[in-house]
PDB file of all heavy atoms in Angstrom:
ATOM      1  N   GLU A   1     108.637  21.152  11.007  1.00  0.00           N
ATOM      2  CA  GLU A   1     107.723  20.423  11.991  1.00  0.00           C
ATOM      3  C   GLU A   1     106.307  20.469  11.564  1.00  0.00           C
ATOM      4  O   GLU A   1     105.822  21.402  10.962  1.00  0.00           O
ATOM      5  CB  GLU A   1     107.886  21.043  13.345  1.00  0.00           C
ATOM      6  CG  GLU A   1     107.355  22.527  13.485  1.00  0.00           C
ATOM      7  CD  GLU A   1     107.452  23.170  14.768  1.00  0.00           C
ATOM      8  OE1 GLU A   1     107.204  22.313  15.817  1.00  0.00           O
ATOM      9  OE2 GLU A   1     107.823  24.208  14.919  1.00  0.00           O
ATOM     10  N   MET A   2     105.553  19.477  12.069  1.00  0.00           N
ATOM     11  CA  MET A   2     104.130  19.425  11.927  1.00  0.00           C
ATOM     12  C   MET A   2     103.470  19.972  13.119  1.00  0.00           C
ATOM     13  O   MET A   2     103.807  19.359  14.280  1.00  0.00           O
ATOM     14  CB  MET A   2     103.570  17.991  11.617  1.00  0.00           C
ATOM     15  CG  MET A   2     104.161  17.446  10.196  1.00  0.00           C
ATOM     16  SD  MET A   2     103.449  18.140   8.780  1.00  0.00           S
ATOM     17  CE  MET A   2     101.777  17.379   8.944  1.00  0.00           C
ATOM     18  N   LEU A   3     102.624  20.901  13.112  1.00  0.00           N
ATOM     19  CA  LEU A   3     102.151  21.616  14.374  1.00  0.00           C
ATOM     20  C   LEU A   3     100.669  20.870  14.628  1.00  0.00           C
ATOM     21  O   LEU A   3      99.918  20.742  13.782  1.00  0.00           O
ATOM     22  CB  LEU A   3     101.852  23.061  14.158  1.00  0.00           C
ATOM     23  CG  LEU A   3     103.067  23.919  13.793  1.00  0.00           C
ATOM     24  CD1 LEU A   3     102.615  25.329  13.677  1.00  0.00           C
ATOM     25  CD2 LEU A   3     104.115  23.832  14.885  1.00  0.00           C
ATOM     26  N   ASP A   4     100.563  20.559  15.908  1.00  0.00           N
ATOM     27  CA  ASP A   4      99.298  20.089  16.525  1.00  0.00           C
ATOM     28  C   ASP A   4      98.348  21.298  16.601  1.00  0.00           C
ATOM     29  O   ASP A   4      98.882  22.512  16.617  1.00  0.00           O
ATOM     30  CB  ASP A   4      99.421  19.166  17.620  1.00  0.00           C
ATOM     31  CG  ASP A   4     100.157  19.897  18.849  1.00  0.00           C
ATOM     32  OD1 ASP A   4      99.760  21.056  19.003  1.00  0.00           O
ATOM     33  OD2 ASP A   4     100.972  19.228  19.467  1.00  0.00           O
ATOM     34  N   ALA A   5      97.291  21.095  16.904  1.00  0.00           N
ATOM     35  CA  ALA A   5      96.094  22.199  16.931  1.00  0.00           C
ATOM     36  C   ALA A   5      96.423  23.038  18.056  1.00  0.00           C
ATOM     37  O   ALA A   5      96.387  24.381  18.115  1.00  0.00           O
ATOM     38  CB  ALA A   5      94.763  21.559  17.171  1.00  0.00           C
ATOM     39  N   GLU A   6      96.826  22.514  19.362  1.00  0.00           N
ATOM     40  CA  GLU A   6      97.098  23.140  20.497  1.00  0.00           C
ATOM     41  C   GLU A   6      98.382  24.090  20.258  1.00  0.00           C
ATOM     42  O   GLU A   6      98.337  25.332  20.662  1.00  0.00           O
ATOM     43  CB  GLU A   6      97.372  22.254  21.695  1.00  0.00           C
ATOM     44  CG  GLU A   6      97.591  22.949  22.950  1.00  0.00           C
ATOM     45  CD  GLU A   6      97.888  22.108  24.155  1.00  0.00           C
ATOM     46  OE1 GLU A   6      97.726  20.812  23.979  1.00  0.00           O
ATOM     47  OE2 GLU A   6      98.017  22.530  25.227  1.00  0.00           O
ATOM     48  N   THR A   7      99.498  23.620  19.778  1.00  0.00           N
ATOM     49  CA  THR A   7     100.749  24.300  19.539  1.00  0.00           C
ATOM     50  C   THR A   7     100.411  25.614  18.529  1.00  0.00           C
ATOM     51  O   THR A   7     100.850  26.687  18.703  1.00  0.00           O
ATOM     52  CB  THR A   7     101.796  23.502  18.951  1.00  0.00           C
ATOM     53  OG1 THR A   7     102.101  22.414  19.861  1.00  0.00           O
ATOM     54  CG2 THR A   7     103.012  24.277  18.750  1.00  0.00           C
ATOM     55  N   GLU A   8      99.809  25.177  17.435  1.00  0.00           N
ATOM     56  CA  GLU A   8      99.296  26.254  16.470  1.00  0.00           C
ATOM     57  C   GLU A   8      98.580  27.335  17.095  1.00  0.00           C
ATOM     58  O   GLU A   8      98.843  28.542  16.739  1.00  0.00           O
ATOM     59  CB  GLU A   8      98.413  25.500  15.411  1.00  0.00           C
ATOM     60  CG  GLU A   8      97.973  26.498  14.233  1.00  0.00           C
ATOM     61  CD  GLU A   8      97.081  25.678  13.407  1.00  0.00           C
ATOM     62  OE1 GLU A   8      97.507  24.967  12.537  1.00  0.00           O
ATOM     63  OE2 GLU A   8      95.835  25.969  13.435  1.00  0.00           O
ATOM     64  N   LEU A   9      97.632  26.963  17.953  1.00  0.00           N
ATOM     65  CA  LEU A   9      96.819  28.025  18.623  1.00  0.00           C
ATOM     66  C   LEU A   9      97.641  28.911  19.465  1.00  0.00           C
ATOM     67  O   LEU A   9      97.486  30.157  19.585  1.00  0.00           O
ATOM     68  CB  LEU A   9      95.759  27.341  19.459  1.00  0.00           C
ATOM     69  CG  LEU A   9      94.551  28.254  19.854  1.00  0.00           C
ATOM     70  CD1 LEU A   9      93.749  28.796  18.685  1.00  0.00           C
ATOM     71  CD2 LEU A   9      93.540  27.445  20.749  1.00  0.00           C
ATOM     72  N   LYS A  10      98.663  28.274  20.264  1.00  0.00           N
ATOM     73  CA  LYS A  10      99.515  29.081  21.131  1.00  0.00           C
ATOM     74  C   LYS A  10     100.401  30.128  20.213  1.00  0.00           C
ATOM     75  O   LYS A  10     100.697  31.215  20.618  1.00  0.00           O
ATOM     76  CB  LYS A  10     100.368  28.186  21.952  1.00  0.00           C
ATOM     77  CG  LYS A  10      99.729  27.327  23.007  1.00  0.00           C
ATOM     78  CD  LYS A  10     100.639  26.472  23.680  1.00  0.00           C
ATOM     79  CE  LYS A  10      99.919  25.691  24.959  1.00  0.00           C
ATOM     80  NZ  LYS A  10     100.768  24.787  25.604  1.00  0.00           N
ATOM     81  N   LEU A  11     100.785  29.573  19.152  1.00  0.00           N
ATOM     82  CA  LEU A  11     101.673  30.551  18.333  1.00  0.00           C
ATOM     83  C   LEU A  11     100.856  31.573  17.656  1.00  0.00           C
ATOM     84  O   LEU A  11     101.305  32.707  17.696  1.00  0.00           O
ATOM     85  CB  LEU A  11     102.371  29.581  17.148  1.00  0.00           C
ATOM     86  CG  LEU A  11     103.323  28.565  17.606  1.00  0.00           C
ATOM     87  CD1 LEU A  11     103.652  27.683  16.374  1.00  0.00           C
ATOM     88  CD2 LEU A  11     104.518  29.224  18.255  1.00  0.00           C
ATOM     89  N   ALA A  12      99.572  31.331  17.364  1.00  0.00           N
ATOM     90  CA  ALA A  12      98.743  32.319  16.748  1.00  0.00           C
ATOM     91  C   ALA A  12      98.357  33.412  17.660  1.00  0.00           C
ATOM     92  O   ALA A  12      98.444  34.533  17.541  1.00  0.00           O
ATOM     93  CB  ALA A  12      97.481  31.649  16.283  1.00  0.00           C
ATOM     94  N   TYR A  13      98.132  32.956  19.030  1.00  0.00           N
ATOM     95  CA  TYR A  13      97.932  33.923  20.079  1.00  0.00           C
ATOM     96  C   TYR A  13      99.233  34.842  20.427  1.00  0.00           C
ATOM     97  O   TYR A  13      99.121  36.040  20.495  1.00  0.00           O
ATOM     98  CB  TYR A  13      97.353  33.258  21.488  1.00  0.00           C
ATOM     99  CG  TYR A  13      96.053  32.967  21.396  1.00  0.00           C
ATOM    100  CD1 TYR A  13      95.465  31.739  21.525  1.00  0.00           C
ATOM    101  CD2 TYR A  13      95.007  34.040  21.313  1.00  0.00           C
ATOM    102  CE1 TYR A  13      94.170  31.333  21.622  1.00  0.00           C
ATOM    103  CE2 TYR A  13      93.750  33.690  21.437  1.00  0.00           C
ATOM    104  CZ  TYR A  13      93.289  32.477  21.602  1.00  0.00           C
ATOM    105  OH  TYR A  13      91.952  32.164  21.609  1.00  0.00           O
ATOM    106  N   ALA A  14     100.332  34.068  20.431  1.00  0.00           N
ATOM    107  CA  ALA A  14     101.567  34.869  20.736  1.00  0.00           C
ATOM    108  C   ALA A  14     101.892  35.900  19.598  1.00  0.00           C
ATOM    109  O   ALA A  14     102.422  37.078  19.996  1.00  0.00           O
ATOM    110  CB  ALA A  14     102.791  33.780  20.735  1.00  0.00           C
ATOM    111  N   TRP A  15     101.575  35.612  18.388  1.00  0.00           N
ATOM    112  CA  TRP A  15     101.868  36.636  17.384  1.00  0.00           C
ATOM    113  C   TRP A  15     100.795  37.717  17.417  1.00  0.00           C
ATOM    114  O   TRP A  15     101.059  38.878  17.368  1.00  0.00           O
ATOM    115  CB  TRP A  15     101.766  35.967  15.983  1.00  0.00           C
ATOM    116  CG  TRP A  15     101.788  36.898  14.870  1.00  0.00           C
ATOM    117  CD1 TRP A  15     100.785  37.129  13.950  1.00  0.00           C
ATOM    118  CD2 TRP A  15     102.778  37.931  14.622  1.00  0.00           C
ATOM    119  NE1 TRP A  15     101.180  38.101  13.094  1.00  0.00           N
ATOM    120  CE2 TRP A  15     102.358  38.653  13.376  1.00  0.00           C
ATOM    121  CE3 TRP A  15     104.041  38.271  15.187  1.00  0.00           C
ATOM    122  CZ2 TRP A  15     103.122  39.750  12.989  1.00  0.00           C
ATOM    123  CZ3 TRP A  15     104.768  39.378  14.632  1.00  0.00           C
ATOM    124  CH2 TRP A  15     104.191  40.039  13.562  1.00  0.00           C
ATOM    125  N   ARG A  16      99.407  37.435  17.594  1.00  0.00           N
ATOM    126  CA  ARG A  16      98.457  38.332  17.572  1.00  0.00           C
ATOM    127  C   ARG A  16      98.527  39.373  18.775  1.00  0.00           C
ATOM    128  O   ARG A  16      98.373  40.470  18.598  1.00  0.00           O
ATOM    129  CB  ARG A  16      96.950  37.742  17.605  1.00  0.00           C
ATOM    130  CG  ARG A  16      95.912  38.683  17.260  1.00  0.00           C
ATOM    131  CD  ARG A  16      94.533  38.081  17.698  1.00  0.00           C
ATOM    132  NE  ARG A  16      94.280  37.841  19.008  1.00  0.00           N
ATOM    133  CZ  ARG A  16      93.203  37.354  19.455  1.00  0.00           C
ATOM    134  NH1 ARG A  16      92.217  37.140  18.809  1.00  0.00           N
ATOM    135  NH2 ARG A  16      93.111  37.301  20.883  1.00  0.00           N
ATOM    136  N   ASP A  17      98.729  38.748  19.966  1.00  0.00           N
ATOM    137  CA  ASP A  17      98.595  39.651  21.084  1.00  0.00           C
ATOM    138  C   ASP A  17     100.128  40.154  21.551  1.00  0.00           C
ATOM    139  O   ASP A  17     100.155  41.291  22.081  1.00  0.00           O
ATOM    140  CB  ASP A  17      98.167  38.630  22.302  1.00  0.00           C
ATOM    141  CG  ASP A  17      96.759  38.217  22.015  1.00  0.00           C
ATOM    142  OD1 ASP A  17      96.032  38.776  21.128  1.00  0.00           O
ATOM    143  OD2 ASP A  17      96.423  37.094  22.589  1.00  0.00           O
ATOM    144  N   GLU A  18     101.041  39.459  21.252  1.00  0.00           N
ATOM    145  CA  GLU A  18     102.383  39.861  21.732  1.00  0.00           C
ATOM    146  C   GLU A  18     103.346  40.412  20.564  1.00  0.00           C
ATOM    147  O   GLU A  18     104.476  40.808  20.948  1.00  0.00           O
ATOM    148  CB  GLU A  18     103.151  38.658  22.456  1.00  0.00           C
ATOM    149  CG  GLU A  18     102.189  38.056  23.570  1.00  0.00           C
ATOM    150  CD  GLU A  18     101.981  38.916  24.713  1.00  0.00           C
ATOM    151  OE1 GLU A  18     102.618  39.915  24.934  1.00  0.00           O
ATOM    152  OE2 GLU A  18     100.794  38.685  25.334  1.00  0.00           O
ATOM    153  N   ARG A  19     102.880  40.099  19.398  1.00  0.00           N
ATOM    154  CA  ARG A  19     103.748  40.338  18.147  1.00  0.00           C
ATOM    155  C   ARG A  19     105.107  39.759  18.329  1.00  0.00           C
ATOM    156  O   ARG A  19     106.073  40.281  18.040  1.00  0.00           O
ATOM    157  CB  ARG A  19     104.022  41.859  17.976  1.00  0.00           C
ATOM    158  CG  ARG A  19     102.649  42.669  17.939  1.00  0.00           C
ATOM    159  CD  ARG A  19     101.538  42.137  17.089  1.00  0.00           C
ATOM    160  NE  ARG A  19     101.772  42.346  15.621  1.00  0.00           N
ATOM    161  CZ  ARG A  19     100.935  41.841  14.731  1.00  0.00           C
ATOM    162  NH1 ARG A  19      99.889  41.189  15.121  1.00  0.00           N
ATOM    163  NH2 ARG A  19     101.132  42.095  13.474  1.00  0.00           N
ATOM    164  N   ASP A  20     105.029  38.401  18.850  1.00  0.00           N
ATOM    165  CA  ASP A  20     106.206  37.556  18.928  1.00  0.00           C
ATOM    166  C   ASP A  20     106.643  36.995  17.557  1.00  0.00           C
ATOM    167  O   ASP A  20     106.135  36.148  17.080  1.00  0.00           O
ATOM    168  CB  ASP A  20     105.821  36.442  19.870  1.00  0.00           C
ATOM    169  CG  ASP A  20     106.929  35.486  20.310  1.00  0.00           C
ATOM    170  OD1 ASP A  20     108.019  35.620  19.510  1.00  0.00           O
ATOM    171  OD2 ASP A  20     106.861  34.781  21.210  1.00  0.00           O
ATOM    172  N   GLU A  21     107.709  37.628  17.088  1.00  0.00           N
ATOM    173  CA  GLU A  21     108.170  37.225  15.838  1.00  0.00           C
ATOM    174  C   GLU A  21     108.757  35.958  15.745  1.00  0.00           C
ATOM    175  O   GLU A  21     108.712  35.173  14.730  1.00  0.00           O
ATOM    176  CB  GLU A  21     109.403  38.313  15.461  1.00  0.00           C
ATOM    177  CG  GLU A  21     108.737  39.662  15.265  1.00  0.00           C
ATOM    178  CD  GLU A  21     109.780  40.512  14.518  1.00  0.00           C
ATOM    179  OE1 GLU A  21     111.073  40.083  14.403  1.00  0.00           O
ATOM    180  OE2 GLU A  21     109.617  41.837  14.350  1.00  0.00           O
ATOM    181  N   ALA A  22     109.201  35.221  16.896  1.00  0.00           N
ATOM    182  CA  ALA A  22     109.728  34.012  16.855  1.00  0.00           C
ATOM    183  C   ALA A  22     108.447  33.058  16.614  1.00  0.00           C
ATOM    184  O   ALA A  22     108.514  31.905  15.933  1.00  0.00           O
ATOM    185  CB  ALA A  22     110.469  33.549  18.246  1.00  0.00           C
ATOM    186  N   ALA A  23     107.343  33.321  17.250  1.00  0.00           N
ATOM    187  CA  ALA A  23     106.152  32.554  17.081  1.00  0.00           C
ATOM    188  C   ALA A  23     105.650  32.651  15.553  1.00  0.00           C
ATOM    189  O   ALA A  23     105.283  31.627  15.027  1.00  0.00           O
ATOM    190  CB  ALA A  23     104.999  32.980  18.000  1.00  0.00           C
ATOM    191  N   LEU A  24     105.732  33.894  15.017  1.00  0.00           N
ATOM    192  CA  LEU A  24     105.306  33.919  13.663  1.00  0.00           C
ATOM    193  C   LEU A  24     106.310  33.187  12.643  1.00  0.00           C
ATOM    194  O   LEU A  24     105.855  32.539  11.781  1.00  0.00           O
ATOM    195  CB  LEU A  24     105.301  35.473  13.235  1.00  0.00           C
ATOM    196  CG  LEU A  24     105.205  35.709  11.703  1.00  0.00           C
ATOM    197  CD1 LEU A  24     103.734  35.353  11.291  1.00  0.00           C
ATOM    198  CD2 LEU A  24     105.398  37.240  11.497  1.00  0.00           C
ATOM    199  N   HIS A  25     107.550  33.140  12.986  1.00  0.00           N
ATOM    200  CA  HIS A  25     108.538  32.541  12.182  1.00  0.00           C
ATOM    201  C   HIS A  25     108.286  31.067  12.229  1.00  0.00           C
ATOM    202  O   HIS A  25     108.236  30.291  11.235  1.00  0.00           O
ATOM    203  CB  HIS A  25     109.931  32.774  12.759  1.00  0.00           C
ATOM    204  CG  HIS A  25     111.044  31.998  11.860  1.00  0.00           C
ATOM    205  ND1 HIS A  25     111.546  32.353  10.763  1.00  0.00           N
ATOM    206  CD2 HIS A  25     111.598  30.877  12.343  1.00  0.00           C
ATOM    207  CE1 HIS A  25     112.381  31.561  10.362  1.00  0.00           C
ATOM    208  NE2 HIS A  25     112.525  30.666  11.276  1.00  0.00           N
ATOM    209  N   ARG A  26     107.959  30.498  13.346  1.00  0.00           N
ATOM    210  CA  ARG A  26     107.580  29.080  13.571  1.00  0.00           C
ATOM    211  C   ARG A  26     106.363  28.678  12.812  1.00  0.00           C
ATOM    212  O   ARG A  26     106.312  27.638  12.159  1.00  0.00           O
ATOM    213  CB  ARG A  26     107.593  28.759  15.070  1.00  0.00           C
ATOM    214  CG  ARG A  26     107.550  27.222  15.299  1.00  0.00           C
ATOM    215  CD  ARG A  26     107.542  26.922  16.783  1.00  0.00           C
ATOM    216  NE  ARG A  26     107.185  25.698  17.132  1.00  0.00           N
ATOM    217  CZ  ARG A  26     106.925  25.205  18.345  1.00  0.00           C
ATOM    218  NH1 ARG A  26     106.971  26.008  19.343  1.00  0.00           N
ATOM    219  NH2 ARG A  26     106.580  23.804  18.477  1.00  0.00           N
ATOM    220  N   LEU A  27     105.363  29.528  12.973  1.00  0.00           N
ATOM    221  CA  LEU A  27     104.074  29.379  12.238  1.00  0.00           C
ATOM    222  C   LEU A  27     104.259  29.237  10.665  1.00  0.00           C
ATOM    223  O   LEU A  27     103.731  28.300  10.069  1.00  0.00           O
ATOM    224  CB  LEU A  27     103.065  30.307  12.676  1.00  0.00           C
ATOM    225  CG  LEU A  27     101.579  30.172  12.357  1.00  0.00           C
ATOM    226  CD1 LEU A  27     101.033  28.778  13.056  1.00  0.00           C
ATOM    227  CD2 LEU A  27     100.785  31.281  12.783  1.00  0.00           C
ATOM    228  N   ILE A  28     105.003  30.330  10.203  1.00  0.00           N
ATOM    229  CA  ILE A  28     105.144  30.385   8.700  1.00  0.00           C
ATOM    230  C   ILE A  28     105.994  29.208   8.272  1.00  0.00           C
ATOM    231  O   ILE A  28     105.681  28.529   7.220  1.00  0.00           O
ATOM    232  CB  ILE A  28     105.925  31.662   8.429  1.00  0.00           C
ATOM    233  CG1 ILE A  28     105.014  32.872   8.693  1.00  0.00           C
ATOM    234  CG2 ILE A  28     106.346  31.733   6.971  1.00  0.00           C
ATOM    235  CD1 ILE A  28     103.716  32.956   7.942  1.00  0.00           C
ATOM    236  N   THR A  29     107.094  28.923   8.978  1.00  0.00           N
ATOM    237  CA  THR A  29     107.998  27.815   8.534  1.00  0.00           C
ATOM    238  C   THR A  29     107.104  26.512   8.633  1.00  0.00           C
ATOM    239  O   THR A  29     107.402  25.667   7.510  1.00  0.00           O
ATOM    240  CB  THR A  29     109.141  27.662   9.565  1.00  0.00           C
ATOM    241  OG1 THR A  29     109.808  28.863   9.500  1.00  0.00           O
ATOM    242  CG2 THR A  29     110.032  26.515   9.094  1.00  0.00           C
ATOM    243  N   ALA A  30     106.288  26.186   9.519  1.00  0.00           N
ATOM    244  CA  ALA A  30     105.684  24.877   9.593  1.00  0.00           C
ATOM    245  C   ALA A  30     104.654  24.809   8.300  1.00  0.00           C
ATOM    246  O   ALA A  30     104.504  23.769   7.972  1.00  0.00           O
ATOM    247  CB  ALA A  30     104.786  24.910  10.756  1.00  0.00           C
ATOM    248  N   TYR A  31     104.083  25.952   7.812  1.00  0.00           N
ATOM    249  CA  TYR A  31     103.203  25.786   6.672  1.00  0.00           C
ATOM    250  C   TYR A  31     103.680  26.139   5.406  1.00  0.00           C
ATOM    251  O   TYR A  31     102.839  26.332   4.493  1.00  0.00           O
ATOM    252  CB  TYR A  31     101.790  26.563   7.090  1.00  0.00           C
ATOM    253  CG  TYR A  31     101.126  25.875   8.219  1.00  0.00           C
ATOM    254  CD1 TYR A  31     101.033  26.191   9.473  1.00  0.00           C
ATOM    255  CD2 TYR A  31     100.344  24.726   7.874  1.00  0.00           C
ATOM    256  CE1 TYR A  31     100.326  25.552  10.484  1.00  0.00           C
ATOM    257  CE2 TYR A  31      99.593  23.920   8.781  1.00  0.00           C
ATOM    258  CZ  TYR A  31      99.522  24.468  10.083  1.00  0.00           C
ATOM    259  OH  TYR A  31      98.940  23.674  11.054  1.00  0.00           O
ATOM    260  N   MET A  32     105.004  26.481   5.230  1.00  0.00           N
ATOM    261  CA  MET A  32     105.503  26.704   4.039  1.00  0.00           C
ATOM    262  C   MET A  32     105.444  25.673   3.070  1.00  0.00           C
ATOM    263  O   MET A  32     105.281  25.888   1.758  1.00  0.00           O
ATOM    264  CB  MET A  32     106.999  27.218   4.197  1.00  0.00           C
ATOM    265  CG  MET A  32     107.545  28.059   2.847  1.00  0.00           C
ATOM    266  SD  MET A  32     106.671  29.517   2.713  1.00  0.00           S
ATOM    267  CE  MET A  32     106.957  29.682   1.014  1.00  0.00           C
ATOM    268  N   ARG A  33     105.385  24.382   3.516  1.00  0.00           N
ATOM    269  CA  ARG A  33     105.188  23.304   2.642  1.00  0.00           C
ATOM    270  C   ARG A  33     103.876  23.406   1.979  1.00  0.00           C
ATOM    271  O   ARG A  33     103.703  22.928   0.809  1.00  0.00           O
ATOM    272  CB  ARG A  33     105.351  21.927   3.380  1.00  0.00           C
ATOM    273  CG  ARG A  33     104.199  21.821   4.585  1.00  0.00           C
ATOM    274  CD  ARG A  33     104.113  20.277   4.916  1.00  0.00           C
ATOM    275  NE  ARG A  33     105.312  19.775   5.521  1.00  0.00           N
ATOM    276  CZ  ARG A  33     105.516  20.016   6.804  1.00  0.00           C
ATOM    277  NH1 ARG A  33     104.790  20.524   7.606  1.00  0.00           N
ATOM    278  NH2 ARG A  33     106.765  19.463   7.262  1.00  0.00           N
TER     279      ARG A  33
END
């Protein structure tokens, strides 16, 4: 998937503040390309 700025920001906050591994996985997967 291509992440828009808002979704990207939510995922980044979820990983930084909650250590949400699902959010990290989604962020990494989106930018692996």
